[in-house]
Every structure is written in C-alpha cells, then in structure tokens.
Amino acid sequence: MMKNVLVLGAGGHIAQLAEAFMLEQTDAKLKLFLRHPNKLNDALAARATVVTGDVMDSDVLDAAIAGQDIVYANLAGHNIEDEAKAVVAAMDKAGVKRLVWISTLGIYDEVPGAYGKWNHEMLDDGYLPTYAAAAKVIEGSDLDYTIIRPAWLQNEDEVDYELTEKGEAFKGTEVSRKSIGSLVAAIVAKPEEHIRASLGVNKPNTDGDKPRFM
C-alpha cells in the first residue's frame, strides 16, 4: 500500500538524498515541508507536494501532517527541543504514529574513549545538550519513533553503514550522508522495523580518536 510521507526540513542535504532514495526504491508519496523551497532540487520538487512553512507554526504543521502515514524529521537548530515538542503535539493531534527523527551521536554519552572525549569537546557548546533534550521529548512520547544518531558526516558517494542500538557503545567515527539517506528510505519501506529504537549509524572500520577529515 502506498505510504504518505511528510518530510520536515526537506531542503537539507540528507533529506534530499533520502527523498531521492524513497522515490526510487519505494512507493511513497512525498510531501516536502520546508521554509525555503528554493533549496529543493528541481527534480525532487517536481515529483512531490511542496509545502512552505515552519514547524513552529502549528496551523501550517497540523495541516501538513493530516493524512500522512510517516513523518521524517530532518530538523536542526538551537530550538530543536521546541521543534520536537511541536512535532509530537501535531502528530498526536492528527493520530499519526510513525516518526523518523534525525539526531546526533553522543546524546547518551555513548561514544567511548578518546573519540568520545573529542566529540564532547566539539559539540558540548549547546549542541549536544539541545539534541539530547529533543531526543528525550521523542522518547517520552507514545509515538512509534526511530531516532537516528549519525557519526560525523561526510559526502562520499557510498552507502556503507552499520548500526548500534541505544545502550551499546557507538562504533566508528564517520558515515556518509548518502548512507543516512539510504537508511531513512529503508525504514520507510519497512516501517514496522526499528520501532521505538535509537540507532547509532557509522561506516564500518572507521574507529579512531577523531574522524579522518578533521
């Protein structure tokens, strides 16, 4: 059965990769929600419904979520916790249960060793605490969520990743944006998988004290 998928933050790099995978590999009907439609690849925009809006505008968000089967949120910013609250509230109101939420590594202090220490030094200045707070909002909801925690992102043209679960030590130091897009599309294709899970995502065999490109 065709799935209606709402993409929040649809103009982001990972989001557009995920959108391309979804259109290629699934029967999903996409609704692309973003503040700046000019960021969208023209080919993607031509194959989807485009909604201009901000997730903090409850009226616009409510209208966008109505009738959807899956919400994929690729949001960012200092107000990510408030955005999480807004998304949960709108999904509850619409009776939509399935959420895919992009977060970041380190929100559970799950990155071990020297890499974990380096990651804290790089991200503790407001970034990790806010993303951790947003994840707590998602996990405290009754939604069928999947939280995705990517390693440090690079732009290699590759799909090569492995997963760790919440409670497991994070592996590796990097992962391609294309890999994250592929994972999102795979979850949309099989939304019954990874429900109420928080997945660390890394490229295998990239362990080290920090990503090679830093």
Protein backbone atom coordinates (compact mmCIF):
# COMPACT_ATOMS: atom_id res chain seq x y z
CA MET A 1 0.00 0.00 0.00
CA MET A 2 1.32 3.44 -0.91
CA LYS A 3 2.57 5.41 2.07
CA ASN A 4 2.13 9.16 2.51
CA VAL A 5 5.39 10.53 3.89
CA LEU A 6 5.87 14.05 5.22
CA VAL A 7 9.48 15.27 5.23
CA LEU A 8 10.18 18.10 7.67
CA GLY A 9 13.29 20.11 6.83
CA ALA A 10 13.04 18.74 3.30
CA GLY A 11 15.72 21.00 1.83
CA GLY A 12 18.57 19.60 3.90
CA HIS A 13 21.37 17.60 2.28
CA ILE A 14 20.50 14.31 4.00
CA ALA A 15 16.79 14.91 3.45
CA GLN A 16 17.20 15.36 -0.30
CA LEU A 17 19.29 12.19 -0.54
CA ALA A 18 16.61 10.33 1.44
CA GLU A 19 13.88 11.78 -0.79
CA ALA A 20 15.66 10.55 -3.92
CA PHE A 21 16.05 7.07 -2.42
CA MET A 22 12.38 6.98 -1.37
CA LEU A 23 11.17 7.98 -4.82
CA GLU A 24 13.48 5.41 -6.44
CA GLN A 25 13.03 2.48 -4.07
CA THR A 26 9.56 2.79 -2.51
CA ASP A 27 6.02 3.68 -3.49
CA ALA A 28 5.99 6.60 -1.07
CA LYS A 29 4.04 9.73 -1.94
CA LEU A 30 6.13 12.60 -0.60
CA LYS A 31 5.08 15.90 0.91
CA LEU A 32 8.13 18.15 1.35
CA PHE A 33 7.87 20.75 4.14
CA LEU A 34 10.50 23.49 4.40
CA ARG A 35 10.97 27.19 4.96
CA HIS A 36 12.92 27.88 1.76
CA PRO A 37 11.58 25.93 -1.26
CA ASN A 38 14.38 27.29 -3.45
CA LYS A 39 16.73 24.86 -1.65
CA LEU A 40 14.96 21.89 -3.22
CA ASN A 41 16.36 20.00 -6.17
CA ASP A 42 14.00 20.75 -9.07
CA ALA A 43 13.65 17.06 -9.96
CA LEU A 44 12.53 16.24 -6.42
CA ALA A 45 10.14 19.16 -6.23
CA ALA A 46 8.51 18.07 -9.50
CA ARG A 47 7.70 14.62 -8.06
CA ALA A 48 6.31 15.71 -4.69
CA THR A 49 3.94 18.12 -2.98
CA VAL A 50 5.87 21.10 -1.61
CA VAL A 51 4.67 22.99 1.48
CA THR A 52 6.34 26.20 2.60
CA GLY A 53 6.28 26.61 6.36
CA ASP A 54 7.96 26.50 9.74
CA VAL A 55 7.32 23.62 12.16
CA MET A 56 6.77 26.17 14.92
CA ASP A 57 3.65 27.40 13.06
CA SER A 58 1.15 24.91 14.48
CA ASP A 59 -1.62 25.65 11.99
CA VAL A 60 0.61 25.00 8.98
CA LEU A 61 2.19 21.93 10.59
CA ASP A 62 -1.19 20.47 11.57
CA ALA A 63 -2.46 20.84 8.02
CA ALA A 64 0.69 19.24 6.59
CA ILE A 65 0.61 16.22 8.93
CA ALA A 66 -3.08 15.43 8.41
CA GLY A 67 -3.46 12.29 6.33
CA GLN A 68 0.19 11.23 6.49
CA ASP A 69 1.41 7.74 7.38
CA ILE A 70 5.01 8.56 8.28
CA VAL A 71 6.77 11.74 9.36
CA TYR A 72 10.50 12.03 8.68
CA ALA A 73 12.02 14.98 10.56
CA ASN A 74 15.37 16.32 9.40
CA LEU A 75 15.36 19.39 11.62
CA ALA A 76 18.18 21.38 13.18
CA GLY A 77 18.91 24.48 15.20
CA HIS A 78 19.13 25.85 18.71
CA ASN A 79 15.37 25.35 19.19
CA ILE A 80 15.39 21.66 18.27
CA GLU A 81 13.75 20.71 21.59
CA ASP A 82 10.82 23.04 20.91
CA GLU A 83 10.60 21.66 17.38
CA ALA A 84 10.42 18.14 18.80
CA LYS A 85 7.58 19.17 21.11
CA ALA A 86 5.75 20.77 18.18
CA VAL A 87 6.12 17.67 16.00
CA VAL A 88 4.94 15.32 18.76
CA ALA A 89 1.93 17.52 19.51
CA ALA A 90 0.94 17.77 15.85
CA MET A 91 1.33 14.02 15.29
CA ASP A 92 -0.73 13.24 18.39
CA LYS A 93 -3.43 15.64 17.20
CA ALA A 94 -3.53 14.03 13.75
CA GLY A 95 -3.29 10.46 15.05
CA VAL A 96 -0.09 9.80 13.08
CA LYS A 97 2.23 7.39 14.91
CA ARG A 98 5.35 6.67 12.82
CA LEU A 99 8.25 9.11 13.17
CA VAL A 100 11.83 9.00 11.88
CA TRP A 101 13.93 11.61 13.71
CA ILE A 102 17.49 12.65 12.85
CA SER A 103 19.63 13.39 15.91
CA THR A 104 23.38 13.11 16.51
CA LEU A 105 25.93 10.84 18.13
CA GLY A 106 26.78 11.43 21.78
CA ILE A 107 23.36 12.30 23.16
CA TYR A 108 23.56 9.43 25.66
CA ASP A 109 27.29 9.84 26.32
CA GLU A 110 27.59 6.59 24.36
CA VAL A 111 30.76 7.42 22.41
CA PRO A 112 33.71 5.68 24.09
CA GLY A 113 37.35 6.57 24.60
CA ALA A 114 39.34 9.38 23.07
CA TYR A 115 36.78 9.86 20.30
CA GLY A 116 34.05 10.36 22.88
CA LYS A 117 36.14 12.96 24.69
CA TRP A 118 36.89 14.76 21.40
CA ASN A 119 33.22 14.62 20.40
CA HIS A 120 32.23 16.25 23.69
CA GLU A 121 34.81 18.98 23.22
CA MET A 122 33.46 19.70 19.74
CA LEU A 123 29.73 19.50 20.49
CA ASP A 124 29.12 20.34 24.14
CA ASP A 125 28.72 24.06 23.47
CA GLY A 126 24.93 23.96 23.26
CA TYR A 127 24.66 21.35 20.52
CA LEU A 128 24.69 18.03 22.37
CA PRO A 129 22.51 19.20 25.29
CA THR A 130 19.79 20.54 22.98
CA TYR A 131 19.77 17.46 20.76
CA ALA A 132 19.70 15.21 23.83
CA ALA A 133 16.73 17.18 25.18
CA ALA A 134 14.90 16.82 21.85
CA ALA A 135 15.50 13.07 21.82
CA LYS A 136 14.11 12.84 25.36
CA VAL A 137 10.91 14.53 24.12
CA ILE A 138 10.59 11.96 21.33
CA GLU A 139 11.31 9.02 23.63
CA GLY A 140 8.82 10.31 26.18
CA SER A 141 6.03 10.31 23.60
CA ASP A 142 3.79 7.39 22.64
CA LEU A 143 4.90 7.60 19.02
CA ASP A 144 6.41 4.73 17.04
CA TYR A 145 9.70 6.55 16.61
CA THR A 146 13.11 5.72 15.22
CA ILE A 147 15.86 8.10 16.29
CA ILE A 148 18.92 8.09 14.02
CA ARG A 149 22.28 9.11 15.53
CA PRO A 150 24.83 9.52 12.72
CA ALA A 151 28.58 9.61 13.21
CA TRP A 152 30.39 12.67 11.84
CA LEU A 153 29.06 13.21 8.35
CA GLN A 154 30.99 13.18 5.09
CA ASN A 155 29.94 13.41 1.45
CA GLU A 156 31.42 10.25 -0.08
CA ASP A 157 29.26 8.72 -2.82
CA GLU A 158 28.73 5.48 -0.91
CA VAL A 159 26.17 3.54 1.10
CA ASP A 160 28.17 1.71 3.76
CA TYR A 161 26.95 1.64 7.34
CA GLU A 162 26.39 -0.46 10.44
CA LEU A 163 24.03 0.10 13.36
CA THR A 164 24.29 0.15 17.13
CA GLU A 165 21.34 0.23 19.50
CA LYS A 166 20.76 2.54 22.45
CA GLY A 167 22.74 1.17 25.37
CA GLU A 168 25.56 -0.06 23.14
CA ALA A 169 28.86 1.76 22.68
CA PHE A 170 28.97 3.82 19.50
CA LYS A 171 31.23 2.45 16.76
CA GLY A 172 33.33 4.26 14.18
CA THR A 173 33.92 7.96 13.64
CA GLU A 174 32.24 8.83 10.33
CA VAL A 175 29.44 7.97 7.92
CA SER A 176 28.28 9.32 4.57
CA ARG A 177 25.19 11.47 4.27
CA LYS A 178 24.15 9.13 1.47
CA SER A 179 24.20 6.22 3.95
CA ILE A 180 21.84 8.06 6.28
CA GLY A 181 19.52 8.85 3.38
CA SER A 182 19.52 5.18 2.41
CA LEU A 183 18.71 4.12 5.98
CA VAL A 184 15.76 6.53 6.13
CA ALA A 185 14.39 5.11 2.87
CA ALA A 186 14.83 1.56 4.17
CA ILE A 187 12.80 2.41 7.28
CA VAL A 188 10.08 4.00 5.16
CA ALA A 189 9.99 0.83 3.03
CA LYS A 190 9.63 -1.33 6.17
CA PRO A 191 8.15 0.94 8.83
CA GLU A 192 7.43 -1.99 11.12
CA GLU A 193 11.18 -2.28 11.78
CA HIS A 194 13.21 -0.30 14.37
CA ILE A 195 10.11 0.92 16.24
CA ARG A 196 10.92 2.82 19.45
CA ALA A 197 14.60 2.37 18.66
CA SER A 198 17.52 4.78 18.74
CA LEU A 199 20.12 3.76 16.17
CA GLY A 200 23.78 4.77 16.09
CA VAL A 201 24.99 4.78 12.48
CA ASN A 202 28.61 4.60 11.35
CA LYS A 203 30.78 3.41 8.49
CA PRO A 204 32.43 0.13 9.49
CA ASN A 205 36.16 0.10 10.25
CA THR A 206 36.47 3.83 10.88
CA ASP A 207 37.47 3.65 14.53
CA GLY A 208 39.87 6.31 15.75
CA ASP A 209 40.39 9.28 18.01
CA LYS A 210 38.51 11.55 15.60
CA PRO A 211 37.19 11.46 12.02
CA ARG A 212 39.95 11.26 9.39
CA PHE A 213 38.78 14.50 7.76
CA MET A 214 39.04 16.61 10.93
